[in-house]
Protein backbone atom coordinates (compact mmCIF):
# COMPACT_ATOMS: atom_id res chain seq x y z
CA MET A 1 103.69 -59.65 43.21
CA LYS A 2 103.61 -57.36 39.93
CA PRO A 3 102.52 -60.54 38.00
CA LEU A 4 99.55 -61.09 40.11
CA VAL A 5 98.34 -57.61 40.02
CA ILE A 6 98.51 -57.82 35.93
CA ALA A 7 96.82 -61.03 35.67
CA LEU A 8 93.97 -59.79 38.22
CA GLY A 9 94.00 -56.66 35.93
CA ALA A 10 93.88 -58.58 32.87
CA LEU A 11 91.28 -61.16 34.10
CA LEU A 12 89.57 -57.89 35.19
CA LEU A 13 89.37 -56.72 31.66
CA LEU A 14 87.81 -60.07 30.67
CA LEU A 15 85.17 -59.66 32.64
CA GLN A 16 84.26 -56.40 31.51
CA TYR A 17 84.18 -57.08 27.97
CA PRO A 18 80.66 -58.86 27.97
CA LEU A 19 79.21 -56.52 30.32
CA TRP A 20 79.89 -53.05 27.87
CA LEU A 21 80.58 -54.73 24.21
CA GLY A 22 79.16 -58.05 24.54
CA ASN A 23 75.77 -59.57 22.69
CA GLY A 24 73.14 -58.25 25.33
CA GLY A 25 75.87 -55.72 26.69
CA LEU A 26 75.03 -52.08 27.55
CA LEU A 27 75.99 -50.45 24.13
CA GLY A 28 73.25 -52.94 22.99
CA LEU A 29 70.99 -52.01 25.59
CA TRP A 30 71.43 -48.06 24.77
CA GLU A 31 70.71 -48.88 21.13
CA ILE A 32 67.61 -50.84 21.97
CA LYS A 33 66.40 -48.28 23.84
CA ARG A 34 66.94 -45.38 20.93
CA GLU A 35 65.21 -47.86 18.63
CA ILE A 36 62.00 -48.07 20.92
CA ALA A 37 61.97 -44.46 21.57
CA LEU A 38 62.19 -43.94 17.81
CA GLN A 39 59.45 -46.50 17.22
CA VAL A 40 56.96 -44.96 19.60
CA THR A 41 57.30 -41.12 18.12
CA GLU A 42 56.64 -43.04 14.71
CA ASN A 43 53.48 -45.32 16.54
CA ARG A 44 51.96 -41.93 17.80
CA HIS A 45 52.07 -40.19 14.50
CA LEU A 46 50.74 -43.36 13.02
CA ALA A 47 47.62 -43.02 15.40
CA GLU A 48 47.05 -39.59 14.93
CA ARG A 49 47.06 -40.01 11.22
CA ASN A 50 44.46 -43.10 11.83
CA GLN A 51 42.37 -40.96 13.77
CA MET A 52 42.41 -38.58 11.02
CA LEU A 53 41.54 -40.99 8.68
CA ALA A 54 38.79 -42.60 10.80
CA ALA A 55 37.13 -39.27 11.38
CA GLU A 56 37.22 -38.66 7.49
CA VAL A 57 35.68 -42.08 6.61
CA ILE A 58 32.95 -41.08 9.20
CA ASP A 59 32.36 -38.15 7.64
CA LEU A 60 32.44 -39.43 4.22
CA LYS A 61 29.93 -42.14 5.40
CA GLN A 62 27.18 -39.76 7.31
CA GLY A 63 27.72 -36.55 4.91
CA LEU A 64 26.89 -35.19 1.48
CA GLU A 65 28.74 -32.13 1.77
CA ALA A 66 32.08 -33.87 2.60
CA ILE A 67 31.66 -35.95 -1.04
CA GLU A 68 30.46 -33.02 -2.45
CA GLU A 69 33.76 -31.10 -1.17
CA ARG A 70 36.05 -33.62 -2.29
CA ALA A 71 34.02 -33.79 -5.81
CA ARG A 72 34.81 -29.97 -6.30
CA ILE A 73 38.02 -30.16 -5.00
CA GLU A 74 39.70 -33.32 -6.44
CA LEU A 75 37.57 -33.88 -9.70
CA GLY A 76 36.85 -30.12 -10.60
CA MET A 77 32.69 -30.84 -10.42
CA ILE A 78 30.27 -28.12 -9.92
CA LYS A 79 26.70 -28.04 -9.05
CA GLY A 80 23.72 -27.32 -11.44
CA GLY A 81 23.06 -23.97 -11.68
CA GLU A 82 26.70 -22.81 -11.06
CA THR A 83 28.69 -20.73 -13.66
CA PHE A 84 32.31 -21.87 -13.55
CA TYR A 85 35.04 -19.16 -14.00
CA GLN A 86 39.02 -20.17 -14.50
CA VAL A 87 41.25 -17.29 -13.91
CA ILE A 88 44.74 -17.93 -15.43
CA ASP A 89 47.29 -15.54 -14.58
CA SER A 90 49.45 -14.45 -17.61
CA PRO A 91 53.41 -15.25 -17.07
CA ASP A 92 54.28 -11.47 -17.52
CA ARG A 93 52.17 -9.97 -14.73
CA LYS A 94 53.55 -9.83 -11.41
């Protein structure tokens, strides 16, 4: 009787292996679910960034203020009639 119980126990373990560790098993399923959650988070972040970029494109196409602001910040340009002052802090002043 004891060899029959051992044989059935071994058979049970052999049948459980594909369920837990085999290709398409529960461990693989958990890993895929984790990867899907990470991808959803990244997609959400990228969608928000795309919305901001689309709004910026619309603003640049329609308004001159956005173009002027970019020219001032990125290129250091000034309007006609304005005076440019550059303040430089000396390293010994705190």
